[in-house]
N, C-alpha and C. Protein backbone atom coordinates (compact mmCIF):
# COMPACT_ATOMS: atom_id res chain seq x y z
N UNK A 1 -14.51 -9.59 4.66
CA UNK A 1 -13.37 -8.68 4.53
C UNK A 1 -13.70 -7.35 5.21
N UNK A 2 -12.66 -6.69 5.63
CA UNK A 2 -12.80 -5.39 6.28
C UNK A 2 -13.16 -4.35 5.23
N UNK A 3 -14.15 -3.52 5.55
CA UNK A 3 -14.54 -2.46 4.62
C UNK A 3 -13.61 -1.26 4.78
N UNK A 4 -13.06 -0.81 3.67
CA UNK A 4 -12.21 0.38 3.68
C UNK A 4 -13.10 1.58 3.37
N UNK A 5 -13.11 2.52 4.29
CA UNK A 5 -13.97 3.70 4.16
C UNK A 5 -13.15 4.88 3.62
N UNK A 6 -13.78 5.71 2.82
CA UNK A 6 -13.08 6.82 2.19
C UNK A 6 -13.69 8.17 2.55
N UNK A 7 -14.54 8.23 3.57
CA UNK A 7 -15.24 9.47 3.94
C UNK A 7 -14.28 10.56 4.40
N UNK A 8 -13.28 10.20 5.21
CA UNK A 8 -12.30 11.17 5.71
C UNK A 8 -10.92 10.53 5.63
N UNK A 9 -9.88 11.36 5.74
CA UNK A 9 -8.51 10.83 5.73
C UNK A 9 -8.30 9.85 6.87
N UNK A 10 -8.77 10.21 8.06
CA UNK A 10 -8.57 9.34 9.23
C UNK A 10 -9.28 8.00 9.06
N UNK A 11 -10.53 8.04 8.60
CA UNK A 11 -11.25 6.78 8.36
C UNK A 11 -10.55 5.95 7.31
N UNK A 12 -10.06 6.59 6.26
CA UNK A 12 -9.36 5.89 5.20
C UNK A 12 -8.12 5.18 5.75
N UNK A 13 -7.30 5.91 6.48
CA UNK A 13 -6.06 5.34 7.02
C UNK A 13 -6.35 4.19 7.97
N UNK A 14 -7.24 4.40 8.92
CA UNK A 14 -7.48 3.36 9.92
C UNK A 14 -8.25 2.16 9.38
N UNK A 15 -9.19 2.37 8.46
CA UNK A 15 -9.90 1.22 7.89
C UNK A 15 -8.96 0.44 6.96
N UNK A 16 -8.10 1.14 6.24
CA UNK A 16 -7.10 0.47 5.41
C UNK A 16 -6.14 -0.34 6.29
N UNK A 17 -5.71 0.24 7.39
CA UNK A 17 -4.83 -0.47 8.32
C UNK A 17 -5.53 -1.72 8.89
N UNK A 18 -6.82 -1.63 9.15
CA UNK A 18 -7.58 -2.79 9.63
C UNK A 18 -7.59 -3.90 8.59
N UNK A 19 -7.77 -3.53 7.34
CA UNK A 19 -7.72 -4.51 6.25
C UNK A 19 -6.35 -5.19 6.21
N UNK A 20 -5.28 -4.39 6.30
CA UNK A 20 -3.91 -4.93 6.27
C UNK A 20 -3.71 -5.91 7.42
N UNK A 21 -4.13 -5.51 8.62
CA UNK A 21 -3.97 -6.40 9.80
C UNK A 21 -4.75 -7.70 9.60
N UNK A 22 -5.95 -7.60 9.04
CA UNK A 22 -6.77 -8.78 8.79
C UNK A 22 -6.09 -9.71 7.77
N UNK A 23 -5.58 -9.13 6.69
CA UNK A 23 -4.88 -9.94 5.68
C UNK A 23 -3.61 -10.56 6.24
N UNK A 24 -2.92 -9.84 7.12
CA UNK A 24 -1.67 -10.35 7.70
C UNK A 24 -1.89 -11.58 8.56
N UNK A 25 -3.12 -11.82 9.00
CA UNK A 25 -3.40 -13.03 9.79
C UNK A 25 -3.17 -14.29 8.97
N UNK A 26 -3.25 -14.16 7.63
CA UNK A 26 -3.11 -15.33 6.76
C UNK A 26 -1.79 -15.33 5.99
N UNK A 27 -0.93 -14.35 6.26
CA UNK A 27 0.33 -14.21 5.54
C UNK A 27 1.48 -14.44 6.53
N UNK A 28 2.45 -15.29 6.16
CA UNK A 28 3.59 -15.48 7.06
C UNK A 28 4.29 -14.15 7.35
N UNK A 29 4.79 -14.00 8.54
CA UNK A 29 5.45 -12.76 8.97
C UNK A 29 6.50 -12.31 7.97
N UNK A 30 7.26 -13.24 7.43
CA UNK A 30 8.35 -12.88 6.52
C UNK A 30 7.86 -12.37 5.16
N UNK A 31 6.55 -12.47 4.90
CA UNK A 31 5.99 -11.95 3.64
C UNK A 31 5.15 -10.70 3.86
N UNK A 32 5.09 -10.22 5.09
CA UNK A 32 4.28 -9.04 5.37
C UNK A 32 4.99 -7.77 4.92
N UNK A 33 4.20 -6.76 4.61
CA UNK A 33 4.68 -5.48 4.09
C UNK A 33 4.31 -4.41 5.12
N UNK A 34 5.23 -3.50 5.45
CA UNK A 34 4.90 -2.48 6.45
C UNK A 34 3.62 -1.70 6.10
N UNK A 35 2.74 -1.58 7.07
CA UNK A 35 1.48 -0.87 6.86
C UNK A 35 1.70 0.54 6.35
N UNK A 36 2.71 1.22 6.88
CA UNK A 36 2.99 2.60 6.45
C UNK A 36 3.23 2.67 4.94
N UNK A 37 3.91 1.68 4.42
CA UNK A 37 4.23 1.67 3.00
C UNK A 37 2.96 1.47 2.16
N UNK A 38 2.14 0.52 2.57
CA UNK A 38 0.89 0.24 1.85
C UNK A 38 -0.02 1.46 1.91
N UNK A 39 -0.18 2.03 3.09
CA UNK A 39 -1.07 3.19 3.25
C UNK A 39 -0.54 4.37 2.43
N UNK A 40 0.77 4.61 2.48
CA UNK A 40 1.34 5.74 1.72
C UNK A 40 1.08 5.59 0.23
N UNK A 41 1.25 4.39 -0.31
CA UNK A 41 0.99 4.20 -1.74
C UNK A 41 -0.49 4.38 -2.06
N UNK A 42 -1.36 3.89 -1.20
CA UNK A 42 -2.80 4.06 -1.44
C UNK A 42 -3.18 5.54 -1.38
N UNK A 43 -2.56 6.29 -0.46
CA UNK A 43 -2.81 7.73 -0.37
C UNK A 43 -2.42 8.41 -1.67
N UNK A 44 -1.23 8.08 -2.19
CA UNK A 44 -0.75 8.69 -3.43
C UNK A 44 -1.63 8.30 -4.61
N UNK A 45 -1.92 7.03 -4.72
CA UNK A 45 -2.64 6.53 -5.90
C UNK A 45 -4.11 6.94 -5.93
N UNK A 46 -4.69 7.26 -4.77
CA UNK A 46 -6.13 7.55 -4.74
C UNK A 46 -6.48 8.91 -4.17
N UNK A 47 -5.48 9.75 -3.88
CA UNK A 47 -5.74 11.05 -3.24
C UNK A 47 -6.58 10.84 -1.97
N UNK A 48 -6.02 10.03 -1.07
CA UNK A 48 -6.66 9.71 0.22
C UNK A 48 -8.00 8.99 0.04
N UNK A 49 -8.08 8.13 -0.97
CA UNK A 49 -9.29 7.33 -1.16
C UNK A 49 -10.39 8.04 -1.91
N UNK A 50 -10.12 9.21 -2.44
CA UNK A 50 -11.18 10.00 -3.08
C UNK A 50 -11.25 9.84 -4.60
N UNK A 51 -10.30 9.14 -5.21
CA UNK A 51 -10.29 9.06 -6.67
C UNK A 51 -11.45 8.21 -7.20
N UNK A 52 -11.78 8.47 -8.45
CA UNK A 52 -12.83 7.72 -9.12
C UNK A 52 -12.47 6.22 -9.16
N UNK A 53 -11.20 5.92 -9.44
CA UNK A 53 -10.78 4.51 -9.53
C UNK A 53 -10.92 3.81 -8.19
N UNK A 54 -10.64 4.52 -7.11
CA UNK A 54 -10.78 3.92 -5.78
C UNK A 54 -12.23 3.59 -5.50
N UNK A 55 -13.12 4.47 -5.89
CA UNK A 55 -14.52 4.31 -5.51
C UNK A 55 -15.39 3.59 -6.53
N UNK A 56 -15.01 3.61 -7.80
CA UNK A 56 -15.79 2.87 -8.80
C UNK A 56 -15.21 1.48 -9.07
N UNK A 57 -13.88 1.36 -8.96
CA UNK A 57 -13.23 0.08 -9.28
C UNK A 57 -12.64 -0.61 -8.05
N UNK A 58 -12.75 0.04 -6.88
CA UNK A 58 -12.16 -0.49 -5.64
C UNK A 58 -10.66 -0.74 -5.81
N UNK A 59 -10.02 0.05 -6.67
CA UNK A 59 -8.60 -0.12 -6.99
C UNK A 59 -7.82 0.98 -6.28
N UNK A 60 -7.10 0.62 -5.22
CA UNK A 60 -6.39 1.60 -4.40
C UNK A 60 -4.95 1.85 -4.82
N UNK A 61 -4.46 1.10 -5.82
CA UNK A 61 -3.04 1.18 -6.15
C UNK A 61 -2.75 1.43 -7.62
N UNK A 62 -3.77 1.79 -8.40
CA UNK A 62 -3.54 2.01 -9.82
C UNK A 62 -3.09 0.76 -10.54
N UNK A 63 -3.52 -0.41 -10.03
CA UNK A 63 -3.12 -1.69 -10.63
C UNK A 63 -3.82 -1.81 -11.98
N UNK A 64 -3.01 -2.02 -13.01
CA UNK A 64 -3.54 -2.04 -14.37
C UNK A 64 -3.83 -3.45 -14.83
N UNK A 65 -3.97 -3.65 -16.06
CA UNK A 65 -4.49 -4.79 -16.81
C UNK A 65 -5.82 -4.25 -17.28
N UNK A 66 -5.76 -3.24 -18.10
CA UNK A 66 -6.88 -2.34 -18.35
C UNK A 66 -6.82 -1.44 -17.15
N UNK A 67 -7.81 -1.35 -16.40
CA UNK A 67 -7.72 -0.87 -15.02
C UNK A 67 -8.48 -1.93 -14.25
N UNK A 68 -7.77 -2.62 -13.39
CA UNK A 68 -8.35 -3.76 -12.70
C UNK A 68 -9.46 -3.32 -11.75
N UNK A 69 -10.55 -4.06 -11.79
CA UNK A 69 -11.70 -3.80 -10.91
C UNK A 69 -11.73 -4.91 -9.86
N UNK A 70 -11.91 -4.52 -8.61
CA UNK A 70 -11.96 -5.47 -7.50
C UNK A 70 -13.35 -5.46 -6.88
N UNK A 71 -13.70 -6.59 -6.28
CA UNK A 71 -14.99 -6.68 -5.60
C UNK A 71 -15.03 -5.75 -4.40
N UNK A 72 -13.91 -5.70 -3.65
CA UNK A 72 -13.81 -4.79 -2.50
C UNK A 72 -12.46 -4.08 -2.54
N UNK A 73 -12.36 -2.98 -1.81
CA UNK A 73 -11.08 -2.27 -1.71
C UNK A 73 -10.04 -3.15 -1.02
N UNK A 74 -10.46 -3.94 -0.05
CA UNK A 74 -9.52 -4.83 0.65
C UNK A 74 -8.96 -5.88 -0.32
N UNK A 75 -9.76 -6.28 -1.32
CA UNK A 75 -9.25 -7.21 -2.34
C UNK A 75 -8.09 -6.59 -3.11
N UNK A 76 -8.14 -5.27 -3.33
CA UNK A 76 -7.03 -4.63 -4.04
C UNK A 76 -5.77 -4.62 -3.18
N UNK A 77 -5.94 -4.51 -1.86
CA UNK A 77 -4.79 -4.58 -0.94
C UNK A 77 -4.18 -5.99 -1.01
N UNK A 78 -5.02 -6.99 -1.02
CA UNK A 78 -4.55 -8.38 -1.10
C UNK A 78 -3.75 -8.59 -2.40
N UNK A 79 -4.25 -8.05 -3.51
CA UNK A 79 -3.55 -8.18 -4.79
C UNK A 79 -2.23 -7.41 -4.77
N UNK A 80 -2.24 -6.22 -4.17
CA UNK A 80 -1.01 -5.43 -4.02
C UNK A 80 0.04 -6.26 -3.28
N UNK A 81 -0.36 -6.90 -2.18
CA UNK A 81 0.58 -7.72 -1.40
C UNK A 81 1.12 -8.88 -2.24
N UNK A 82 0.24 -9.48 -3.03
CA UNK A 82 0.67 -10.58 -3.90
C UNK A 82 1.70 -10.08 -4.91
N UNK A 83 1.44 -8.94 -5.53
CA UNK A 83 2.36 -8.38 -6.53
C UNK A 83 3.73 -8.12 -5.91
N UNK A 84 3.76 -7.45 -4.77
CA UNK A 84 5.04 -7.15 -4.11
C UNK A 84 5.78 -8.44 -3.75
N UNK A 85 5.04 -9.45 -3.35
CA UNK A 85 5.65 -10.71 -2.91
C UNK A 85 6.00 -11.67 -4.03
N UNK A 86 5.50 -11.44 -5.25
CA UNK A 86 5.73 -12.42 -6.32
C UNK A 86 6.36 -11.87 -7.58
N UNK A 87 6.11 -10.62 -7.92
CA UNK A 87 6.55 -10.08 -9.21
C UNK A 87 8.05 -9.75 -9.17
N UNK A 88 8.75 -10.12 -10.25
CA UNK A 88 10.20 -9.94 -10.34
C UNK A 88 10.64 -8.51 -10.06
N UNK A 89 9.88 -7.53 -10.51
CA UNK A 89 10.27 -6.12 -10.36
C UNK A 89 10.51 -5.72 -8.91
N UNK A 90 9.98 -6.49 -7.96
CA UNK A 90 10.10 -6.13 -6.54
C UNK A 90 10.99 -7.10 -5.76
N UNK A 91 11.88 -7.78 -6.50
CA UNK A 91 12.83 -8.71 -5.86
C UNK A 91 13.73 -7.99 -4.86
N UNK A 92 14.13 -6.75 -5.18
CA UNK A 92 14.99 -6.00 -4.26
C UNK A 92 14.26 -5.74 -2.94
N UNK A 93 12.98 -5.42 -3.01
CA UNK A 93 12.17 -5.24 -1.80
C UNK A 93 12.22 -6.52 -0.97
N UNK A 94 11.95 -7.65 -1.60
CA UNK A 94 11.91 -8.92 -0.87
C UNK A 94 13.27 -9.28 -0.28
N UNK A 95 14.33 -8.96 -1.03
CA UNK A 95 15.68 -9.24 -0.53
C UNK A 95 15.99 -8.40 0.71
N UNK A 96 15.68 -7.10 0.66
CA UNK A 96 15.93 -6.24 1.82
C UNK A 96 15.09 -6.68 3.02
N UNK A 97 13.82 -7.00 2.77
CA UNK A 97 12.95 -7.47 3.85
C UNK A 97 13.50 -8.76 4.43
N UNK A 98 13.97 -9.65 3.56
CA UNK A 98 14.55 -10.91 4.01
C UNK A 98 15.80 -10.72 4.85
N UNK A 99 16.51 -9.63 4.60
CA UNK A 99 17.70 -9.30 5.39
C UNK A 99 17.34 -8.59 6.70
N UNK A 100 16.04 -8.43 6.96
CA UNK A 100 15.61 -7.87 8.23
C UNK A 100 15.18 -6.41 8.19
N UNK A 101 15.18 -5.79 7.01
CA UNK A 101 14.77 -4.39 6.93
C UNK A 101 13.25 -4.29 7.09
N UNK A 102 12.81 -3.43 8.02
CA UNK A 102 11.38 -3.26 8.26
C UNK A 102 10.93 -1.80 8.14
N UNK A 103 11.88 -0.88 7.97
CA UNK A 103 11.53 0.54 7.90
C UNK A 103 10.93 0.86 6.54
N UNK A 104 9.69 1.34 6.55
CA UNK A 104 8.98 1.66 5.30
C UNK A 104 9.73 2.70 4.47
N UNK A 105 10.41 3.63 5.13
CA UNK A 105 11.15 4.66 4.40
C UNK A 105 12.29 4.06 3.58
N UNK A 106 12.95 3.07 4.13
CA UNK A 106 14.05 2.40 3.43
C UNK A 106 13.49 1.51 2.32
N UNK A 107 12.47 0.74 2.65
CA UNK A 107 11.89 -0.19 1.67
C UNK A 107 11.22 0.55 0.51
N UNK A 108 10.74 1.75 0.75
CA UNK A 108 10.09 2.54 -0.31
C UNK A 108 11.02 2.73 -1.51
N UNK A 109 12.30 2.86 -1.27
CA UNK A 109 13.28 3.08 -2.35
C UNK A 109 13.30 1.94 -3.37
N UNK A 110 12.79 0.77 -2.98
CA UNK A 110 12.82 -0.39 -3.87
C UNK A 110 11.61 -0.43 -4.80
N UNK A 111 10.73 0.53 -4.70
CA UNK A 111 9.48 0.49 -5.48
C UNK A 111 9.48 1.43 -6.68
N UNK A 112 10.66 1.71 -7.20
CA UNK A 112 10.79 2.62 -8.35
C UNK A 112 9.97 2.17 -9.54
N UNK A 113 9.79 0.88 -9.71
CA UNK A 113 9.11 0.37 -10.90
C UNK A 113 7.59 0.35 -10.77
N UNK A 114 7.06 0.78 -9.62
CA UNK A 114 5.61 0.79 -9.45
C UNK A 114 4.97 1.84 -10.36
N UNK A 115 5.62 2.97 -10.52
CA UNK A 115 5.06 4.06 -11.32
C UNK A 115 6.12 4.62 -12.26
N UNK A 116 5.68 5.29 -13.29
CA UNK A 116 6.59 5.83 -14.30
C UNK A 116 7.34 7.07 -13.82
N UNK A 117 6.80 7.79 -12.85
CA UNK A 117 7.44 9.03 -12.40
C UNK A 117 8.77 8.74 -11.72
N UNK A 118 9.79 9.49 -12.08
CA UNK A 118 11.11 9.32 -11.48
C UNK A 118 11.10 9.58 -9.98
N UNK A 119 10.24 10.46 -9.55
CA UNK A 119 10.23 10.88 -8.14
C UNK A 119 9.20 10.12 -7.30
N UNK A 120 8.68 9.00 -7.81
CA UNK A 120 7.62 8.27 -7.11
C UNK A 120 8.02 7.85 -5.70
N UNK A 121 9.24 7.32 -5.56
CA UNK A 121 9.65 6.87 -4.23
C UNK A 121 9.82 8.07 -3.27
N UNK A 122 10.18 9.23 -3.81
CA UNK A 122 10.23 10.44 -2.98
C UNK A 122 8.84 10.78 -2.45
N UNK A 123 7.83 10.61 -3.30
CA UNK A 123 6.45 10.87 -2.87
C UNK A 123 6.04 9.94 -1.74
N UNK A 124 6.38 8.66 -1.88
CA UNK A 124 6.05 7.69 -0.83
C UNK A 124 6.71 8.11 0.48
N UNK A 125 8.00 8.43 0.42
CA UNK A 125 8.72 8.83 1.63
C UNK A 125 8.11 10.09 2.25
N UNK A 126 7.75 11.06 1.42
CA UNK A 126 7.15 12.30 1.94
C UNK A 126 5.83 12.03 2.64
N UNK A 127 4.99 11.17 2.06
CA UNK A 127 3.71 10.85 2.69
C UNK A 127 3.95 10.18 4.04
N UNK A 128 4.89 9.26 4.08
CA UNK A 128 5.19 8.58 5.35
C UNK A 128 5.68 9.59 6.38
N UNK A 129 6.68 10.40 5.99
CA UNK A 129 7.30 11.34 6.95
C UNK A 129 6.36 12.45 7.39
N UNK A 130 5.62 13.03 6.46
CA UNK A 130 4.88 14.26 6.76
C UNK A 130 3.37 14.08 6.94
N UNK A 131 2.84 12.92 6.51
CA UNK A 131 1.39 12.74 6.61
C UNK A 131 0.98 11.56 7.48
N UNK A 132 1.89 10.62 7.72
CA UNK A 132 1.51 9.43 8.50
C UNK A 132 2.20 9.38 9.85
N UNK A 133 3.54 9.42 9.86
CA UNK A 133 4.26 9.30 11.13
C UNK A 133 3.92 10.46 12.05
N UNK A 134 3.62 10.11 13.29
CA UNK A 134 3.28 11.12 14.28
C UNK A 134 1.82 11.55 14.23
N UNK A 135 1.09 11.11 13.21
CA UNK A 135 -0.33 11.47 13.09
C UNK A 135 -1.24 10.26 13.26
N UNK A 136 -0.77 9.11 12.78
CA UNK A 136 -1.56 7.88 12.84
C UNK A 136 -0.72 6.77 13.46
N UNK A 137 -1.36 5.92 14.24
CA UNK A 137 -0.68 4.76 14.80
C UNK A 137 -1.01 3.55 13.95
N UNK A 138 -0.02 3.08 13.22
CA UNK A 138 -0.22 1.94 12.32
C UNK A 138 0.66 0.79 12.77
N UNK A 139 0.16 -0.42 12.54
CA UNK A 139 1.00 -1.60 12.80
C UNK A 139 0.59 -2.74 11.92
């Protein structure tokens, strides 16, 4: 698996993107999730990879069940993708993606149930607009 590095923001973003690209090799195109969306949520949930949970539990998304511990950070990305693709709470995301929507800003609105904060999807959009687009090349 690709190692996700947390030394700097740039290393975090690009190593996380490498993990996503590697995982996408085994996932049908119609089940893939925009890299910008995954990276934005990881940025929010881990303060750019610097949180204790990111570094002690390899958990980049605040995935609970206690607090889930992963063998690698890339394993948490794989589990995140599984959750978005299988859990009922994200059916709207899958429906929009199935209708051809690929813009992370639009799809972010479907993730209201990921966190308890009412403004969570606003945070995702802000990270994409102001911290990722135009600064990092993701695919």
